[in-house]
C-alpha atoms as a PDB file:
ATOM      1  CA  MET A   1      14.730 -27.153 -12.958  1.00  0.00           C
ATOM      2  CA  ALA A   2      11.254 -28.395 -12.089  1.00  0.00           C
ATOM      3  CA  TYR A   3      11.201 -27.135  -8.491  1.00  0.00           C
ATOM      4  CA  GLY A   4      12.329 -23.615  -9.387  1.00  0.00           C
ATOM      5  CA  SER A   5       9.793 -23.270 -12.167  1.00  0.00           C
ATOM      6  CA  ARG A   6       6.941 -23.720  -9.649  1.00  0.00           C
ATOM      7  CA  ILE A   7       8.032 -20.900  -7.331  1.00  0.00           C
ATOM      8  CA  LYS A   8       5.574 -18.022  -7.375  1.00  0.00           C
ATOM      9  CA  THR A   9       6.690 -14.526  -6.504  1.00  0.00           C
ATOM     10  CA  LYS A  10       3.363 -12.731  -6.874  1.00  0.00           C
ATOM     11  CA  VAL A  11       2.977 -10.178  -4.087  1.00  0.00           C
ATOM     12  CA  LEU A  12      -0.643  -9.509  -3.193  1.00  0.00           C
ATOM     13  CA  LEU A  13      -1.961  -6.159  -1.986  1.00  0.00           C
ATOM     14  CA  ARG A  14      -3.161  -7.741   1.230  1.00  0.00           C
ATOM     15  CA  ASP A  15       0.510  -8.284   2.095  1.00  0.00           C
ATOM     16  CA  VAL A  16       1.623  -4.649   1.696  1.00  0.00           C
ATOM     17  CA  MET A  17      -1.471  -2.488   2.151  1.00  0.00           C
ATOM     18  CA  ASN A  18      -1.875  -0.093   5.053  1.00  0.00           C
ATOM     19  CA  SER A  19      -4.519  -1.269   7.480  1.00  0.00           C
ATOM     20  CA  PRO A  20      -6.629  -0.408   9.406  1.00  0.00           C
ATOM     21  CA  VAL A  21      -8.136   2.395   7.373  1.00  0.00           C
ATOM     22  CA  ILE A  22      -7.983   5.788   9.085  1.00  0.00           C
ATOM     23  CA  THR A  23     -11.266   7.630   8.771  1.00  0.00           C
ATOM     24  CA  ILE A  24     -12.866  10.971   9.444  1.00  0.00           C
ATOM     25  CA  SER A  25     -16.402  12.353   9.403  1.00  0.00           C
ATOM     26  CA  PRO A  26     -17.647  14.475   6.469  1.00  0.00           C
ATOM     27  CA  ASP A  27     -18.521  17.174   9.008  1.00  0.00           C
ATOM     28  CA  ALA A  28     -14.938  17.491  10.292  1.00  0.00           C
ATOM     29  CA  LYS A  29     -13.317  20.835   9.549  1.00  0.00           C
ATOM     30  CA  ALA A  30     -10.266  21.027   7.287  1.00  0.00           C
ATOM     31  CA  ASP A  31      -8.011  22.051  10.183  1.00  0.00           C
ATOM     32  CA  ALA A  32      -9.059  18.900  12.106  1.00  0.00           C
ATOM     33  CA  VAL A  33      -8.380  16.831   8.976  1.00  0.00           C
ATOM     34  CA  ALA A  34      -4.887  18.324   8.644  1.00  0.00           C
ATOM     35  CA  LYS A  35      -4.156  17.852  12.346  1.00  0.00           C
ATOM     36  CA  LYS A  36      -5.224  14.198  12.302  1.00  0.00           C
ATOM     37  CA  MET A  37      -3.117  13.521   9.201  1.00  0.00           C
ATOM     38  CA  SER A  38      -0.128  15.263  10.782  1.00  0.00           C
ATOM     39  CA  ASP A  39      -0.535  13.550  14.159  1.00  0.00           C
ATOM     40  CA  LEU A  40      -0.771  10.104  12.549  1.00  0.00           C
ATOM     41  CA  GLY A  41       1.879  10.739   9.887  1.00  0.00           C
ATOM     42  CA  VAL A  42      -0.414   9.818   6.986  1.00  0.00           C
ATOM     43  CA  GLY A  43      -1.096  11.473   3.659  1.00  0.00           C
ATOM     44  CA  SER A  44      -4.788  10.686   3.441  1.00  0.00           C
ATOM     45  CA  LEU A  45      -7.962   9.951   5.385  1.00  0.00           C
ATOM     46  CA  ILE A  46     -11.066   8.129   4.233  1.00  0.00           C
ATOM     47  CA  VAL A  47     -14.251  10.107   4.705  1.00  0.00           C
ATOM     48  CA  VAL A  48     -16.956   7.835   6.123  1.00  0.00           C
ATOM     49  CA  GLN A  49     -20.647   8.561   6.543  1.00  0.00           C
ATOM     50  CA  LYS A  50     -22.820   6.019   8.404  1.00  0.00           C
ATOM     51  CA  GLY A  51     -20.069   3.404   8.053  1.00  0.00           C
ATOM     52  CA  THR A  52     -19.755   3.828   4.286  1.00  0.00           C
ATOM     53  CA  PRO A  53     -16.689   5.379   2.612  1.00  0.00           C
ATOM     54  CA  ILE A  54     -17.818   8.382   0.554  1.00  0.00           C
ATOM     55  CA  GLY A  55     -14.406   9.637  -0.528  1.00  0.00           C
ATOM     56  CA  ILE A  56     -10.809  10.362   0.356  1.00  0.00           C
ATOM     57  CA  ILE A  57      -8.999  13.513   1.466  1.00  0.00           C
ATOM     58  CA  THR A  58      -5.329  13.675   0.611  1.00  0.00           C
ATOM     59  CA  ASP A  59      -2.621  16.137   1.482  1.00  0.00           C
ATOM     60  CA  THR A  60      -2.919  17.393  -2.101  1.00  0.00           C
ATOM     61  CA  ASP A  61      -6.654  18.054  -1.596  1.00  0.00           C
ATOM     62  CA  LEU A  62      -5.842  20.193   1.441  1.00  0.00           C
ATOM     63  CA  VAL A  63      -3.261  22.213  -0.503  1.00  0.00           C
ATOM     64  CA  GLU A  64      -5.350  22.675  -3.663  1.00  0.00           C
ATOM     65  CA  LYS A  65      -8.815  23.095  -2.127  1.00  0.00           C
ATOM     66  CA  VAL A  66      -8.015  24.942   1.096  1.00  0.00           C
ATOM     67  CA  VAL A  67      -4.566  26.535   1.190  1.00  0.00           C
ATOM     68  CA  ALA A  68      -4.324  27.602  -2.480  1.00  0.00           C
ATOM     69  CA  LYS A  69      -7.817  29.125  -2.318  1.00  0.00           C
ATOM     70  CA  ASN A  70      -7.037  30.924   0.930  1.00  0.00           C
ATOM     71  CA  ALA A  71     -10.068  29.240   2.526  1.00  0.00           C
ATOM     72  CA  LYS A  72     -10.410  29.272   6.279  1.00  0.00           C
ATOM     73  CA  PRO A  73      -9.603  25.725   7.388  1.00  0.00           C
ATOM     74  CA  ASN A  74     -11.757  26.043  10.509  1.00  0.00           C
ATOM     75  CA  THR A  75     -14.861  26.738   8.405  1.00  0.00           C
ATOM     76  CA  ILE A  76     -14.651  24.349   5.434  1.00  0.00           C
ATOM     77  CA  THR A  77     -15.771  20.755   5.980  1.00  0.00           C
ATOM     78  CA  ALA A  78     -14.292  17.479   4.799  1.00  0.00           C
ATOM     79  CA  SER A  79     -17.335  16.913   2.585  1.00  0.00           C
ATOM     80  CA  LYS A  80     -16.388  20.022   0.572  1.00  0.00           C
ATOM     81  CA  ILE A  81     -12.779  18.989  -0.089  1.00  0.00           C
ATOM     82  CA  LEU A  82     -12.910  15.214  -0.456  1.00  0.00           C
ATOM     83  CA  SER A  83     -12.219  13.444  -3.742  1.00  0.00           C
ATOM     84  CA  SER A  84     -15.004  11.069  -4.737  1.00  0.00           C
ATOM     85  CA  PRO A  85     -15.586   8.339  -5.567  1.00  0.00           C
ATOM     86  CA  LEU A  86     -12.761   6.467  -3.854  1.00  0.00           C
ATOM     87  CA  LYS A  87     -10.954   4.373  -6.456  1.00  0.00           C
ATOM     88  CA  THR A  88     -10.635   0.777  -5.251  1.00  0.00           C
ATOM     89  CA  ILE A  89      -8.935  -2.520  -6.020  1.00  0.00           C
ATOM     90  CA  ASP A  90      -9.496  -6.056  -4.725  1.00  0.00           C
ATOM     91  CA  PHE A  91      -7.166  -7.240  -1.940  1.00  0.00           C
ATOM     92  CA  MET A  92      -6.170 -10.336  -3.956  1.00  0.00           C
ATOM     93  CA  GLU A  93      -4.750  -8.270  -6.836  1.00  0.00           C
ATOM     94  CA  ASP A  94      -0.982  -7.932  -7.139  1.00  0.00           C
ATOM     95  CA  LEU A  95       1.300  -4.902  -7.008  1.00  0.00           C
ATOM     96  CA  PRO A  96       1.748  -4.506 -10.780  1.00  0.00           C
ATOM     97  CA  GLU A  97      -2.039  -4.375 -11.221  1.00  0.00           C
ATOM     98  CA  ALA A  98      -2.274  -1.717  -8.504  1.00  0.00           C
ATOM     99  CA  ALA A  99       0.455   0.309 -10.215  1.00  0.00           C
ATOM    100  CA  ARG A 100      -1.367   0.054 -13.565  1.00  0.00           C
ATOM    101  CA  LEU A 101      -4.658   1.159 -11.989  1.00  0.00           C
ATOM    102  CA  ILE A 102      -3.013   4.046 -10.143  1.00  0.00           C
ATOM    103  CA  ARG A 103      -1.523   5.243 -13.428  1.00  0.00           C
ATOM    104  CA  LYS A 104      -4.782   4.725 -15.368  1.00  0.00           C
ATOM    105  CA  GLN A 105      -6.940   6.488 -12.743  1.00  0.00           C
ATOM    106  CA  ARG A 106      -4.340   9.252 -12.209  1.00  0.00           C
ATOM    107  CA  VAL A 107      -4.437   8.894  -8.427  1.00  0.00           C
ATOM    108  CA  LYS A 108      -1.793   8.231  -5.784  1.00  0.00           C
ATOM    109  CA  ARG A 109      -3.865   5.949  -3.555  1.00  0.00           C
ATOM    110  CA  LEU A 110      -6.381   3.157  -3.923  1.00  0.00           C
ATOM    111  CA  GLY A 111      -8.773   1.729  -1.395  1.00  0.00           C
ATOM    112  CA  VAL A 112      -8.245  -2.014  -0.975  1.00  0.00           C
ATOM    113  CA  VAL A 113     -11.523  -3.926  -0.747  1.00  0.00           C
ATOM    114  CA  ARG A 114     -12.515  -7.431   0.257  1.00  0.00           C
ATOM    115  CA  ASN A 115     -16.052  -8.546  -0.596  1.00  0.00           C
ATOM    116  CA  GLY A 116     -16.973  -4.898  -1.139  1.00  0.00           C
ATOM    117  CA  ASN A 117     -15.665  -3.753   2.248  1.00  0.00           C
ATOM    118  CA  LEU A 118     -12.787  -1.313   2.533  1.00  0.00           C
ATOM    119  CA  ILE A 119      -9.969  -3.030   4.469  1.00  0.00           C
ATOM    120  CA  GLY A 120      -6.888  -0.988   3.589  1.00  0.00           C
ATOM    121  CA  ILE A 121      -5.137   1.591   1.461  1.00  0.00           C
ATOM    122  CA  ILE A 122      -2.285   1.096  -1.021  1.00  0.00           C
ATOM    123  CA  SER A 123      -0.352   4.116  -2.226  1.00  0.00           C
ATOM    124  CA  LEU A 124       2.171   4.729  -4.948  1.00  0.00           C
ATOM    125  CA  SER A 125       4.715   5.297  -2.167  1.00  0.00           C
ATOM    126  CA  ASP A 126       3.909   1.862  -0.687  1.00  0.00           C
ATOM    127  CA  ILE A 127       4.544   0.231  -4.062  1.00  0.00           C
ATOM    128  CA  LEU A 128       7.809   2.105  -4.542  1.00  0.00           C
ATOM    129  CA  ALA A 129       8.934   1.196  -1.014  1.00  0.00           C
ATOM    130  CA  VAL A 130       8.805  -2.551  -1.726  1.00  0.00           C
ATOM    131  CA  THR A 131      10.179  -2.405  -5.279  1.00  0.00           C
ATOM    132  CA  PRO A 132      13.864  -2.898  -4.309  1.00  0.00           C
ATOM    133  CA  GLU A 133      12.969  -6.001  -2.310  1.00  0.00           C
ATOM    134  CA  LEU A 134      10.853  -7.311  -5.176  1.00  0.00           C
ATOM    135  CA  MET A 135      13.787  -6.892  -7.537  1.00  0.00           C
ATOM    136  CA  GLU A 136      15.889  -8.934  -5.118  1.00  0.00           C
ATOM    137  CA  ILE A 137      13.225 -11.648  -5.055  1.00  0.00           C
ATOM    138  CA  VAL A 138      13.115 -11.778  -8.841  1.00  0.00           C
ATOM    139  CA  SER A 139      16.910 -12.081  -8.936  1.00  0.00           C
ATOM    140  CA  GLU A 140      16.842 -14.844  -6.321  1.00  0.00           C
ATOM    141  CA  LYS A 141      14.130 -16.689  -8.237  1.00  0.00           C
ATOM    142  CA  ALA A 142      16.272 -16.516 -11.376  1.00  0.00           C
ATOM    143  CA  ARG A 143      19.248 -17.912  -9.450  1.00  0.00           C
ATOM    144  CA  ILE A 144      17.144 -20.761  -8.064  1.00  0.00           C
ATOM    145  CA  MET A 145      15.724 -21.581 -11.492  1.00  0.00           C
ATOM    146  CA  THR A 146      19.192 -21.648 -13.071  1.00  0.00           C
ATOM    147  CA  GLY A 147      20.699 -23.663 -10.219  1.00  0.00           C
ATOM    148  CA  GLU A 148      22.904 -20.859  -8.958  1.00  0.00           C
ATOM    149  CA  SER A 149      23.071 -20.271  -5.234  1.00  0.00           C
ATOM    150  CA  ARG A 150      23.850 -17.319  -3.069  1.00  0.00           C
ATOM    151  CA  ARG A 151      26.652 -17.251  -0.547  1.00  0.00           C
ATOM    152  CA  ALA A 152      25.354 -18.270   2.865  1.00  0.00           C
ATOM    153  CA  GLY A 153      24.670 -15.199   4.979  1.00  0.00           C
ATOM    154  CA  ALA A 154      24.950 -12.803   2.038  1.00  0.00           C
ATOM    155  CA  MET A 155      21.592 -11.196   2.843  1.00  0.00           C
ATOM    156  CA  SER A 156      21.815  -9.231   6.059  1.00  0.00           C
ATOM    157  CA  LYS A 157      18.638  -7.185   5.723  1.00  0.00           C
ATOM    158  CA  GLY A 158      15.686  -6.790   3.403  1.00  0.00           C
ATOM    159  CA  ILE A 159      13.117  -9.297   2.262  1.00  0.00           C
ATOM    160  CA  VAL A 160      14.089 -12.817   1.272  1.00  0.00           C
ATOM    161  CA  ILE A 161      12.132 -15.737  -0.075  1.00  0.00           C
ATOM    162  CA  VAL A 162      11.726 -18.793   2.109  1.00  0.00           C
ATOM    163  CA  ALA A 163      11.060 -22.116   0.448  1.00  0.00           C
ATOM    164  CA  GLY A 164       7.597 -23.356   1.174  1.00  0.00           C
ATOM    165  CA  ASP A 165       5.884 -26.504   0.048  1.00  0.00           C
ATOM    166  CA  GLY A 166       7.243 -26.333  -3.499  1.00  0.00           C
ATOM    167  CA  GLN A 167       4.142 -24.545  -4.716  1.00  0.00           C
ATOM    168  CA  GLN A 168       4.407 -21.198  -2.976  1.00  0.00           C
ATOM    169  CA  VAL A 169       7.133 -19.309  -1.176  1.00  0.00           C
ATOM    170  CA  SER A 170       6.745 -16.796   1.584  1.00  0.00           C
ATOM    171  CA  MET A 171       8.609 -13.577   2.153  1.00  0.00           C
ATOM    172  CA  ARG A 172      10.340 -12.902   5.432  1.00  0.00           C
ATOM    173  CA  ARG A 173      11.791  -9.628   6.640  1.00  0.00           C
ATOM    174  CA  VAL A 174      15.428 -10.050   7.664  1.00  0.00           C
ATOM    175  CA  GLN A 175      17.522  -7.744   9.836  1.00  0.00           C
ATOM    176  CA  ASP A 176      21.174  -8.592  10.519  1.00  0.00           C
ATOM    177  CA  GLY A 177      20.659 -12.160   9.361  1.00  0.00           C
ATOM    178  CA  LYS A 178      17.706 -12.811  11.719  1.00  0.00           C
ATOM    179  CA  SER A 179      14.115 -13.276  10.650  1.00  0.00           C
ATOM    180  CA  CYS A 180      11.829 -10.496  11.841  1.00  0.00           C
ATOM    181  CA  GLY A 181       8.526 -11.953  10.651  1.00  0.00           C
ATOM    182  CA  ALA A 182       6.432 -12.003   7.520  1.00  0.00           C
ATOM    183  CA  ALA A 183       7.102  -9.309   5.011  1.00  0.00           C
END
């Protein structure tokens, strides 16, 4: 089927990354780092000096470099526990490329850059969170390409593809059969 063969299901990092980037000063103490991460419910902070990212502090860094060494968190600074350099990937790359780079670099998070500027973070957890929906999209694409169709209303929640101009499709988040916006 000509139409189905043109549908693209590539999911770009810009569509699933976490943004804006949450930052902290290199002079911040480890206890302030931990509190900010806890308060915001995040697993990492980007350490920025004079507007430039100089590294990342993750929950693992806090455990390995502060807690496990019995260091006093109110005396050790972010600059002493950060991981550097921050591994990055371009915002136009897709999820499989991010997963490959995460595995190759042996990290759990990548900074997402656009024209050299840090605009977001993508984590292994973010990739895993969208994997079930991506599998559904791949299955739907296969059904479209083979001429099969899905029962109307069969998808009550998740991410579904919406036919576009024949060249590209978009993803929409669906809850109880109603569109909730771009996925």
